[in-house]
N, C-alpha and C. Protein backbone atom coordinates (compact mmCIF):
# COMPACT_ATOMS: atom_id res chain seq x y z
N MET A 1 75.99 137.57 149.11
CA MET A 1 76.58 136.36 149.48
C MET A 1 76.78 135.53 148.22
N SER A 2 77.92 135.07 147.93
CA SER A 2 78.23 134.16 146.66
C SER A 2 77.31 132.88 146.90
N LYS A 3 77.44 132.05 145.76
CA LYS A 3 76.69 130.65 145.88
C LYS A 3 77.78 129.67 146.00
N THR A 4 77.28 128.49 146.48
CA THR A 4 78.42 127.33 146.65
C THR A 4 79.06 126.93 145.44
N ASN A 5 80.46 126.63 145.38
CA ASN A 5 81.44 126.30 144.42
C ASN A 5 81.45 124.74 144.62
N THR A 6 81.69 124.22 143.49
CA THR A 6 81.99 122.69 143.60
C THR A 6 83.17 122.47 142.67
N THR A 7 84.11 121.81 143.14
CA THR A 7 85.45 121.27 142.62
C THR A 7 85.49 119.69 142.91
N SER A 8 86.69 119.29 142.23
CA SER A 8 86.93 117.83 142.45
C SER A 8 88.42 117.70 142.73
N SER A 9 88.62 116.63 143.57
CA SER A 9 90.00 116.29 143.96
C SER A 9 90.62 115.75 142.82
N ARG A 10 92.05 115.52 142.82
CA ARG A 10 92.71 114.93 141.54
C ARG A 10 92.14 113.42 141.34
N TYR A 11 91.49 112.94 142.37
CA TYR A 11 90.99 111.51 142.23
C TYR A 11 89.54 111.45 141.94
N GLY A 12 88.92 112.77 141.67
CA GLY A 12 87.48 112.85 141.21
C GLY A 12 86.56 113.08 142.16
N GLN A 13 87.06 113.16 143.53
CA GLN A 13 85.92 113.19 144.57
C GLN A 13 85.54 114.58 144.58
N LYS A 14 84.33 114.88 144.80
CA LYS A 14 83.38 116.27 144.85
C LYS A 14 83.75 116.97 146.11
N ARG A 15 84.26 118.05 146.02
CA ARG A 15 84.39 119.04 146.97
C ARG A 15 83.46 120.10 146.96
N THR A 16 82.72 120.60 147.97
CA THR A 16 81.74 121.76 147.90
C THR A 16 82.53 122.85 149.00
N LEU A 17 82.34 124.09 148.47
CA LEU A 17 82.59 125.32 149.32
C LEU A 17 81.44 126.11 149.19
N THR A 18 80.92 126.41 150.48
CA THR A 18 79.63 127.05 150.80
C THR A 18 79.95 128.40 151.66
N PRO A 19 79.55 129.52 151.05
CA PRO A 19 79.77 130.78 152.08
C PRO A 19 78.59 130.78 152.97
N ASN A 20 79.00 131.14 154.25
CA ASN A 20 78.21 131.02 155.32
C ASN A 20 77.83 132.52 155.76
N GLY A 21 78.55 133.72 155.32
CA GLY A 21 78.40 135.01 155.59
C GLY A 21 79.48 135.31 156.51
N HIS A 22 79.81 136.59 156.40
CA HIS A 22 80.72 137.27 157.25
C HIS A 22 82.24 136.68 157.32
N GLY A 23 82.53 136.29 156.05
CA GLY A 23 83.86 135.68 155.74
C GLY A 23 84.04 134.40 156.31
N ILE A 24 83.00 133.45 156.52
CA ILE A 24 83.08 132.31 156.78
C ILE A 24 82.57 131.26 155.85
N TYR A 25 83.40 130.18 155.57
CA TYR A 25 82.88 129.17 154.50
C TYR A 25 83.11 127.82 155.10
N THR A 26 82.22 126.96 154.51
CA THR A 26 82.44 125.43 154.92
C THR A 26 82.77 124.84 153.75
N MET A 27 83.96 123.88 153.91
CA MET A 27 84.18 122.91 152.77
C MET A 27 83.99 121.57 153.23
N GLU A 28 83.38 120.70 152.28
CA GLU A 28 83.17 119.27 152.80
C GLU A 28 83.48 118.60 151.39
N GLY A 29 83.58 117.11 151.77
CA GLY A 29 83.60 116.30 150.64
C GLY A 29 83.87 114.89 151.17
N ASP A 30 84.02 113.88 150.15
CA ASP A 30 84.58 112.45 150.76
C ASP A 30 86.16 112.58 150.82
N ALA A 31 86.54 111.63 151.76
CA ALA A 31 88.02 111.40 151.96
C ALA A 31 87.99 110.34 153.05
N HIS A 32 88.67 109.32 152.57
CA HIS A 32 88.96 108.22 153.59
C HIS A 32 90.11 108.57 154.48
N TYR A 33 90.83 109.62 154.14
CA TYR A 33 91.81 110.23 155.39
C TYR A 33 92.15 111.50 154.89
N TYR A 34 92.77 112.29 155.85
CA TYR A 34 93.35 113.46 155.68
C TYR A 34 94.57 114.03 156.60
N ARG A 35 95.39 114.73 156.16
CA ARG A 35 96.28 115.34 157.21
C ARG A 35 95.98 116.70 157.83
N VAL A 36 96.35 116.88 159.14
CA VAL A 36 96.33 118.11 159.60
C VAL A 36 97.62 118.49 160.30
N GLY A 37 97.91 119.84 160.10
CA GLY A 37 99.13 120.23 160.68
C GLY A 37 98.78 121.37 161.75
N MET A 38 99.65 121.64 162.74
CA MET A 38 99.47 122.66 163.69
C MET A 38 100.37 123.79 163.57
N ASN A 39 100.08 124.85 164.09
CA ASN A 39 101.22 125.90 164.11
C ASN A 39 102.20 125.63 165.14
N GLU A 40 103.20 126.71 165.01
CA GLU A 40 104.34 126.30 165.92
C GLU A 40 104.09 126.24 167.46
N ASP A 41 103.06 126.96 167.86
CA ASP A 41 102.87 126.60 169.23
C ASP A 41 101.82 125.89 169.64
N ASN A 42 101.31 124.95 168.54
CA ASN A 42 100.41 123.91 168.65
C ASN A 42 99.02 124.53 169.47
N THR A 43 98.75 125.58 169.02
CA THR A 43 97.25 126.28 169.45
C THR A 43 96.25 126.21 168.45
N LYS A 44 96.59 126.26 167.20
CA LYS A 44 95.68 126.22 166.03
C LYS A 44 95.93 125.39 164.73
N ILE A 45 95.08 125.27 163.96
CA ILE A 45 95.38 124.33 162.89
C ILE A 45 96.01 125.24 161.75
N ALA A 46 97.37 124.63 161.17
CA ALA A 46 97.97 125.53 160.09
C ALA A 46 97.58 125.12 158.76
N TYR A 47 97.31 123.74 158.54
CA TYR A 47 97.06 123.46 157.22
C TYR A 47 96.00 122.07 157.32
N PHE A 48 95.27 121.88 156.34
CA PHE A 48 94.16 120.84 156.16
C PHE A 48 94.55 119.95 154.81
N ASP A 49 94.74 118.87 154.78
CA ASP A 49 94.98 118.14 153.39
C ASP A 49 94.23 116.84 153.30
N PRO A 50 93.16 117.01 152.67
CA PRO A 50 92.36 115.71 152.33
C PRO A 50 92.93 114.97 151.22
N GLU A 51 92.74 113.72 151.26
CA GLU A 51 93.31 112.77 150.02
C GLU A 51 92.80 113.40 148.82
N GLY A 52 93.91 113.61 147.89
CA GLY A 52 93.59 114.21 146.54
C GLY A 52 93.46 115.70 146.64
N GLY A 53 93.44 116.30 147.60
CA GLY A 53 93.34 117.67 147.70
C GLY A 53 92.02 118.43 147.95
N PRO A 54 91.92 119.72 147.78
CA PRO A 54 93.13 120.70 147.78
C PRO A 54 93.74 120.86 149.04
N PHE A 55 94.93 121.21 149.16
CA PHE A 55 95.80 121.49 150.24
C PHE A 55 95.16 122.84 150.65
N ILE A 56 95.00 122.80 152.01
CA ILE A 56 94.27 124.41 152.53
C ILE A 56 95.48 124.74 153.57
N ALA A 57 95.88 126.00 153.57
CA ALA A 57 96.65 126.39 154.53
C ALA A 57 96.41 127.94 155.22
N VAL A 58 96.49 128.14 156.23
CA VAL A 58 96.36 129.45 157.01
C VAL A 58 97.46 130.50 156.18
N GLY A 59 96.85 131.47 155.50
CA GLY A 59 97.77 132.40 154.96
C GLY A 59 97.62 132.35 153.53
N SER A 60 97.07 131.17 152.91
CA SER A 60 96.84 130.93 151.47
C SER A 60 95.68 131.94 151.11
N GLU A 61 95.76 132.44 149.88
CA GLU A 61 94.65 133.24 149.08
C GLU A 61 93.62 132.19 148.83
N LEU A 62 92.26 132.56 148.86
CA LEU A 62 91.24 131.85 148.30
C LEU A 62 90.62 132.67 147.35
N ASP A 63 91.24 132.61 146.20
CA ASP A 63 91.10 133.35 144.71
C ASP A 63 89.50 133.56 144.63
N ARG A 64 88.79 132.66 144.56
CA ARG A 64 87.32 132.62 144.21
C ARG A 64 86.43 133.62 145.25
N PHE A 65 86.87 133.97 146.26
CA PHE A 65 86.26 134.73 147.19
C PHE A 65 87.16 135.87 147.60
N GLY A 66 88.37 136.04 146.89
CA GLY A 66 89.10 137.36 147.16
C GLY A 66 89.50 137.67 148.65
N GLY A 67 90.11 136.65 149.39
CA GLY A 67 90.57 136.83 150.77
C GLY A 67 91.67 135.73 150.99
N GLN A 68 92.21 136.03 152.15
CA GLN A 68 93.24 135.27 152.88
C GLN A 68 92.58 134.30 153.79
N ILE A 69 92.95 133.09 153.98
CA ILE A 69 92.74 132.05 155.01
C ILE A 69 93.15 132.49 156.21
N THR A 70 92.32 132.85 157.45
CA THR A 70 92.94 133.15 158.74
C THR A 70 92.75 131.99 159.74
N GLU A 71 91.93 131.14 159.56
CA GLU A 71 91.63 130.06 160.56
C GLU A 71 90.87 128.82 159.83
N ILE A 72 91.43 127.55 160.20
CA ILE A 72 90.73 126.37 159.79
C ILE A 72 90.32 125.65 161.03
N ILE A 73 89.03 125.33 161.10
CA ILE A 73 88.68 124.47 162.13
C ILE A 73 87.89 123.01 161.60
N VAL A 74 88.27 122.02 161.96
CA VAL A 74 87.74 120.77 161.68
C VAL A 74 86.49 120.56 162.43
N GLU A 75 85.58 120.32 161.51
CA GLU A 75 84.24 119.72 162.29
C GLU A 75 83.84 118.39 162.04
N LYS A 76 83.02 117.69 163.04
CA LYS A 76 82.34 116.51 162.89
C LYS A 76 81.83 116.18 161.72
N ALA A 77 82.24 115.12 161.21
CA ALA A 77 81.56 114.65 159.93
C ALA A 77 81.44 113.12 159.92
N PRO A 78 80.58 112.53 158.96
CA PRO A 78 80.32 111.11 159.03
C PRO A 78 81.55 110.45 158.57
N GLN A 79 82.06 109.13 158.82
CA GLN A 79 82.96 108.51 158.23
C GLN A 79 83.08 108.50 156.75
N GLY A 80 84.25 108.49 156.28
CA GLY A 80 84.31 108.62 154.88
C GLY A 80 84.26 110.02 154.25
N ARG A 81 83.87 111.07 155.25
CA ARG A 81 83.78 112.40 154.65
C ARG A 81 84.60 113.44 155.64
N PHE A 82 84.76 114.78 155.04
CA PHE A 82 85.59 115.72 155.87
C PHE A 82 84.60 116.94 155.68
N LYS A 83 84.68 117.88 156.86
CA LYS A 83 83.98 119.09 157.00
C LYS A 83 85.13 119.94 157.59
N ILE A 84 85.31 121.24 156.94
CA ILE A 84 86.06 122.29 157.85
C ILE A 84 85.34 123.40 157.53
N ARG A 85 85.58 124.55 158.36
CA ARG A 85 85.34 125.70 158.48
C ARG A 85 86.50 126.65 158.14
N LEU A 86 86.37 127.52 157.17
CA LEU A 86 87.25 128.42 156.89
C LEU A 86 86.94 129.87 157.24
N GLU A 87 87.87 130.51 157.96
CA GLU A 87 87.60 132.13 158.15
C GLU A 87 88.50 132.78 157.14
N ILE A 88 87.90 133.61 156.41
CA ILE A 88 88.62 134.45 155.27
C ILE A 88 88.69 135.93 155.72
N ASP A 89 89.86 136.39 155.60
CA ASP A 89 90.03 137.84 155.92
C ASP A 89 90.12 138.59 154.43
N SER A 90 89.04 139.17 154.12
CA SER A 90 88.98 139.68 152.80
C SER A 90 89.32 141.18 152.70
């Protein structure tokens, strides 16, 4: 299993991506707001875009982990933060 990766938004906010095993990753960080879009039949999340990025979309490649994002799930987080679960098909 890979180790946690850290990057920054264009506003300098820390973003961490942690592998949980079996192609599942958690991304979290500070954000006062974010946008979420649904797929065409409104059954699943199609993209997640926290302030300052990164823009995360189903079907995008997650280069550091050698796979394509197949699902995005928004998880509960304290106010001023976000937490999402990404499923990757490698």
